[in-house]
Amino acid sequence: MLRSKDGDFVTEVLTFPGVIIEADTFSELIEMINDAAITYFEIPKKYVSFMANYLPSLELAQKLGIFPVVKKEQRLRLQLVK
């Protein structure tokens, strides 16, 4: 997985030969990877909700500068309502 010169995300799905995916956002790319698996294996729609989804590792997201957004300190005030 890498970022193109214009900031898009591009990946080759090694499990599915010849499948290359490009998306505008990281979340769109992950959605498209999962859709590629569904399409590749011709999974009927009624079974899609039972499939495991691909989730990238935290290390990969950090390497691409996507997650997490780190702030040194953030103060929150919460009020409980009865």
N, C-alpha and C. Protein backbone atom coordinates (compact mmCIF):
# COMPACT_ATOMS: atom_id res chain seq x y z
N MET A 1 0.86 -1.16 0.00
CA MET A 1 0.00 0.00 0.00
C MET A 1 0.91 1.23 0.00
N LEU A 2 0.53 2.19 -0.81
CA LEU A 2 1.32 3.41 -0.86
C LEU A 2 0.43 4.59 -1.23
N ARG A 3 1.00 5.75 -1.17
CA ARG A 3 0.27 6.97 -1.55
C ARG A 3 0.84 7.46 -2.87
N SER A 4 -0.06 7.83 -3.78
CA SER A 4 0.37 8.35 -5.06
C SER A 4 0.82 9.81 -4.90
N LYS A 5 1.37 10.37 -5.96
CA LYS A 5 1.86 11.75 -5.90
C LYS A 5 0.75 12.74 -5.58
N ASP A 6 -0.49 12.44 -6.00
CA ASP A 6 -1.60 13.36 -5.73
C ASP A 6 -2.31 13.07 -4.41
N GLY A 7 -1.75 12.13 -3.62
CA GLY A 7 -2.29 11.87 -2.29
C GLY A 7 -3.28 10.73 -2.21
N ASP A 8 -3.63 10.13 -3.36
CA ASP A 8 -4.54 8.98 -3.34
C ASP A 8 -3.83 7.76 -2.75
N PHE A 9 -4.61 6.78 -2.37
CA PHE A 9 -4.08 5.53 -1.82
C PHE A 9 -4.18 4.46 -2.89
N VAL A 10 -3.10 3.69 -3.05
CA VAL A 10 -3.04 2.66 -4.07
C VAL A 10 -2.48 1.39 -3.44
N THR A 11 -3.10 0.25 -3.78
CA THR A 11 -2.58 -1.01 -3.30
C THR A 11 -2.81 -2.10 -4.32
N GLU A 12 -1.96 -3.08 -4.30
CA GLU A 12 -2.13 -4.29 -5.09
C GLU A 12 -2.53 -5.39 -4.12
N VAL A 13 -3.61 -6.07 -4.42
CA VAL A 13 -4.08 -7.15 -3.55
C VAL A 13 -3.39 -8.43 -3.99
N LEU A 14 -2.36 -8.82 -3.27
CA LEU A 14 -1.54 -9.96 -3.67
C LEU A 14 -2.32 -11.27 -3.69
N THR A 15 -3.32 -11.38 -2.85
CA THR A 15 -4.14 -12.59 -2.78
C THR A 15 -4.95 -12.79 -4.06
N PHE A 16 -5.29 -11.69 -4.73
CA PHE A 16 -6.09 -11.73 -5.95
C PHE A 16 -5.24 -11.19 -7.09
N PRO A 17 -4.53 -12.05 -7.83
CA PRO A 17 -3.62 -11.59 -8.87
C PRO A 17 -4.26 -10.60 -9.84
N GLY A 18 -3.53 -9.51 -10.09
CA GLY A 18 -3.98 -8.51 -11.04
C GLY A 18 -4.93 -7.47 -10.49
N VAL A 19 -5.30 -7.58 -9.21
CA VAL A 19 -6.23 -6.62 -8.61
C VAL A 19 -5.44 -5.47 -8.00
N ILE A 20 -5.63 -4.29 -8.58
CA ILE A 20 -5.00 -3.07 -8.06
C ILE A 20 -6.13 -2.09 -7.75
N ILE A 21 -6.08 -1.51 -6.57
CA ILE A 21 -7.16 -0.64 -6.10
C ILE A 21 -6.58 0.74 -5.81
N GLU A 22 -7.32 1.77 -6.23
CA GLU A 22 -6.95 3.15 -5.94
C GLU A 22 -8.17 3.86 -5.38
N ALA A 23 -7.97 4.65 -4.33
CA ALA A 23 -9.08 5.37 -3.69
C ALA A 23 -8.61 6.73 -3.21
N ASP A 24 -9.57 7.63 -3.03
CA ASP A 24 -9.27 8.98 -2.57
C ASP A 24 -8.90 9.02 -1.09
N THR A 25 -9.55 8.17 -0.28
CA THR A 25 -9.30 8.17 1.16
C THR A 25 -8.91 6.78 1.62
N PHE A 26 -8.30 6.73 2.79
CA PHE A 26 -7.88 5.44 3.36
C PHE A 26 -9.09 4.57 3.66
N SER A 27 -10.13 5.14 4.23
CA SER A 27 -11.32 4.34 4.56
C SER A 27 -12.00 3.82 3.30
N GLU A 28 -12.00 4.61 2.24
CA GLU A 28 -12.56 4.16 0.97
C GLU A 28 -11.74 3.00 0.40
N LEU A 29 -10.43 3.07 0.55
CA LEU A 29 -9.55 2.00 0.08
C LEU A 29 -9.86 0.69 0.81
N ILE A 30 -10.01 0.76 2.13
CA ILE A 30 -10.31 -0.45 2.91
C ILE A 30 -11.65 -1.02 2.49
N GLU A 31 -12.63 -0.16 2.28
CA GLU A 31 -13.95 -0.62 1.82
C GLU A 31 -13.84 -1.31 0.46
N MET A 32 -13.03 -0.76 -0.43
CA MET A 32 -12.86 -1.34 -1.76
C MET A 32 -12.10 -2.66 -1.71
N ILE A 33 -11.16 -2.80 -0.80
CA ILE A 33 -10.45 -4.07 -0.63
C ILE A 33 -11.43 -5.15 -0.20
N ASN A 34 -12.29 -4.83 0.77
CA ASN A 34 -13.29 -5.79 1.23
C ASN A 34 -14.27 -6.13 0.11
N ASP A 35 -14.66 -5.14 -0.68
CA ASP A 35 -15.56 -5.38 -1.80
C ASP A 35 -14.90 -6.27 -2.85
N ALA A 36 -13.59 -6.11 -3.06
CA ALA A 36 -12.87 -6.94 -4.02
C ALA A 36 -12.92 -8.41 -3.61
N ALA A 37 -12.80 -8.68 -2.30
CA ALA A 37 -12.87 -10.06 -1.82
C ALA A 37 -14.27 -10.64 -2.06
N ILE A 38 -15.28 -9.86 -1.78
CA ILE A 38 -16.67 -10.30 -2.00
C ILE A 38 -16.90 -10.59 -3.48
N THR A 39 -16.42 -9.72 -4.33
CA THR A 39 -16.60 -9.89 -5.77
C THR A 39 -15.78 -11.07 -6.29
N TYR A 40 -14.53 -11.17 -5.85
CA TYR A 40 -13.63 -12.23 -6.31
C TYR A 40 -14.22 -13.61 -6.03
N PHE A 41 -14.76 -13.78 -4.83
CA PHE A 41 -15.31 -15.08 -4.45
C PHE A 41 -16.80 -15.21 -4.75
N GLU A 42 -17.39 -14.19 -5.37
CA GLU A 42 -18.80 -14.19 -5.74
C GLU A 42 -19.70 -14.56 -4.55
N ILE A 43 -19.49 -13.87 -3.44
CA ILE A 43 -20.26 -14.11 -2.22
C ILE A 43 -21.67 -13.54 -2.39
N PRO A 44 -22.70 -14.35 -2.18
CA PRO A 44 -24.07 -13.82 -2.25
C PRO A 44 -24.29 -12.75 -1.17
N LYS A 45 -25.07 -11.73 -1.50
CA LYS A 45 -25.29 -10.61 -0.58
C LYS A 45 -25.80 -11.06 0.78
N LYS A 46 -26.59 -12.12 0.83
CA LYS A 46 -27.14 -12.55 2.12
C LYS A 46 -26.06 -13.08 3.07
N TYR A 47 -24.86 -13.38 2.56
CA TYR A 47 -23.78 -13.89 3.42
C TYR A 47 -22.71 -12.84 3.72
N VAL A 48 -22.76 -11.70 3.08
CA VAL A 48 -21.72 -10.67 3.23
C VAL A 48 -21.58 -10.22 4.68
N SER A 49 -22.67 -10.08 5.40
CA SER A 49 -22.58 -9.61 6.79
C SER A 49 -21.88 -10.61 7.71
N PHE A 50 -21.72 -11.86 7.27
CA PHE A 50 -21.06 -12.88 8.08
C PHE A 50 -19.56 -12.98 7.78
N MET A 51 -19.11 -12.26 6.77
CA MET A 51 -17.70 -12.31 6.37
C MET A 51 -16.83 -11.46 7.28
N ALA A 52 -15.62 -11.92 7.48
CA ALA A 52 -14.63 -11.10 8.18
C ALA A 52 -14.18 -9.99 7.24
N ASN A 53 -13.87 -8.84 7.77
CA ASN A 53 -13.39 -7.72 6.97
C ASN A 53 -11.91 -7.51 7.19
N TYR A 54 -11.25 -7.03 6.13
CA TYR A 54 -9.84 -6.67 6.25
C TYR A 54 -9.72 -5.37 7.01
N LEU A 55 -8.86 -5.37 7.99
CA LEU A 55 -8.53 -4.14 8.73
C LEU A 55 -7.01 -4.04 8.73
N PRO A 56 -6.48 -2.90 8.31
CA PRO A 56 -5.02 -2.75 8.29
C PRO A 56 -4.46 -2.69 9.70
N SER A 57 -3.19 -3.01 9.80
CA SER A 57 -2.53 -2.94 11.10
C SER A 57 -2.35 -1.48 11.50
N LEU A 58 -2.26 -1.24 12.78
CA LEU A 58 -2.02 0.10 13.30
C LEU A 58 -0.68 0.62 12.78
N GLU A 59 0.32 -0.26 12.67
CA GLU A 59 1.63 0.14 12.18
C GLU A 59 1.53 0.68 10.75
N LEU A 60 0.73 0.02 9.90
CA LEU A 60 0.57 0.48 8.53
C LEU A 60 -0.10 1.85 8.50
N ALA A 61 -1.15 2.02 9.27
CA ALA A 61 -1.85 3.30 9.31
C ALA A 61 -0.93 4.41 9.80
N GLN A 62 -0.11 4.10 10.79
CA GLN A 62 0.83 5.09 11.30
C GLN A 62 1.90 5.42 10.26
N LYS A 63 2.37 4.39 9.54
CA LYS A 63 3.40 4.59 8.51
C LYS A 63 2.88 5.49 7.39
N LEU A 64 1.59 5.37 7.06
CA LEU A 64 0.98 6.20 6.03
C LEU A 64 0.54 7.56 6.56
N GLY A 65 0.71 7.78 7.86
CA GLY A 65 0.37 9.07 8.45
C GLY A 65 -1.12 9.30 8.58
N ILE A 66 -1.88 8.23 8.76
CA ILE A 66 -3.33 8.33 8.80
C ILE A 66 -3.89 8.26 10.21
N PHE A 67 -3.36 7.37 11.02
CA PHE A 67 -3.92 7.12 12.33
C PHE A 67 -2.80 6.81 13.28
N PRO A 68 -2.83 7.12 14.49
CA PRO A 68 -3.84 7.96 15.13
C PRO A 68 -3.45 9.43 15.05
N VAL A 69 -4.42 10.25 15.22
CA VAL A 69 -4.16 11.68 15.36
C VAL A 69 -3.80 11.87 16.83
N VAL A 70 -2.61 12.32 17.08
CA VAL A 70 -2.12 12.40 18.45
C VAL A 70 -2.10 13.85 18.91
N LYS A 71 -2.72 14.10 20.04
CA LYS A 71 -2.65 15.41 20.68
C LYS A 71 -1.99 15.18 22.03
N LYS A 72 -1.12 16.10 22.42
CA LYS A 72 -0.42 15.93 23.67
C LYS A 72 -1.36 15.94 24.86
N GLU A 73 -2.32 16.84 24.84
CA GLU A 73 -3.22 16.94 25.99
C GLU A 73 -4.57 17.44 25.50
N GLN A 74 -5.59 16.84 26.02
CA GLN A 74 -6.93 17.28 25.68
C GLN A 74 -7.78 17.13 26.94
N ARG A 75 -8.40 18.21 27.35
CA ARG A 75 -9.23 18.18 28.54
C ARG A 75 -10.69 18.10 28.14
N LEU A 76 -11.36 17.16 28.72
CA LEU A 76 -12.78 16.98 28.45
C LEU A 76 -13.57 17.18 29.73
N ARG A 77 -14.71 17.84 29.60
CA ARG A 77 -15.60 17.99 30.73
C ARG A 77 -16.91 17.31 30.34
N LEU A 78 -17.27 16.33 31.10
CA LEU A 78 -18.48 15.59 30.84
C LEU A 78 -19.49 15.85 31.94
N GLN A 79 -20.72 15.99 31.55
CA GLN A 79 -21.78 16.20 32.52
C GLN A 79 -22.79 15.08 32.36
N LEU A 80 -23.05 14.39 33.44
CA LEU A 80 -24.05 13.33 33.42
C LEU A 80 -25.43 13.91 33.65
N VAL A 81 -26.36 13.46 32.84
CA VAL A 81 -27.73 13.93 32.94
C VAL A 81 -28.58 12.80 33.48
N LYS A 82 -29.40 13.14 34.51
CA LYS A 82 -30.27 12.12 35.09
C LYS A 82 -31.55 12.02 34.35
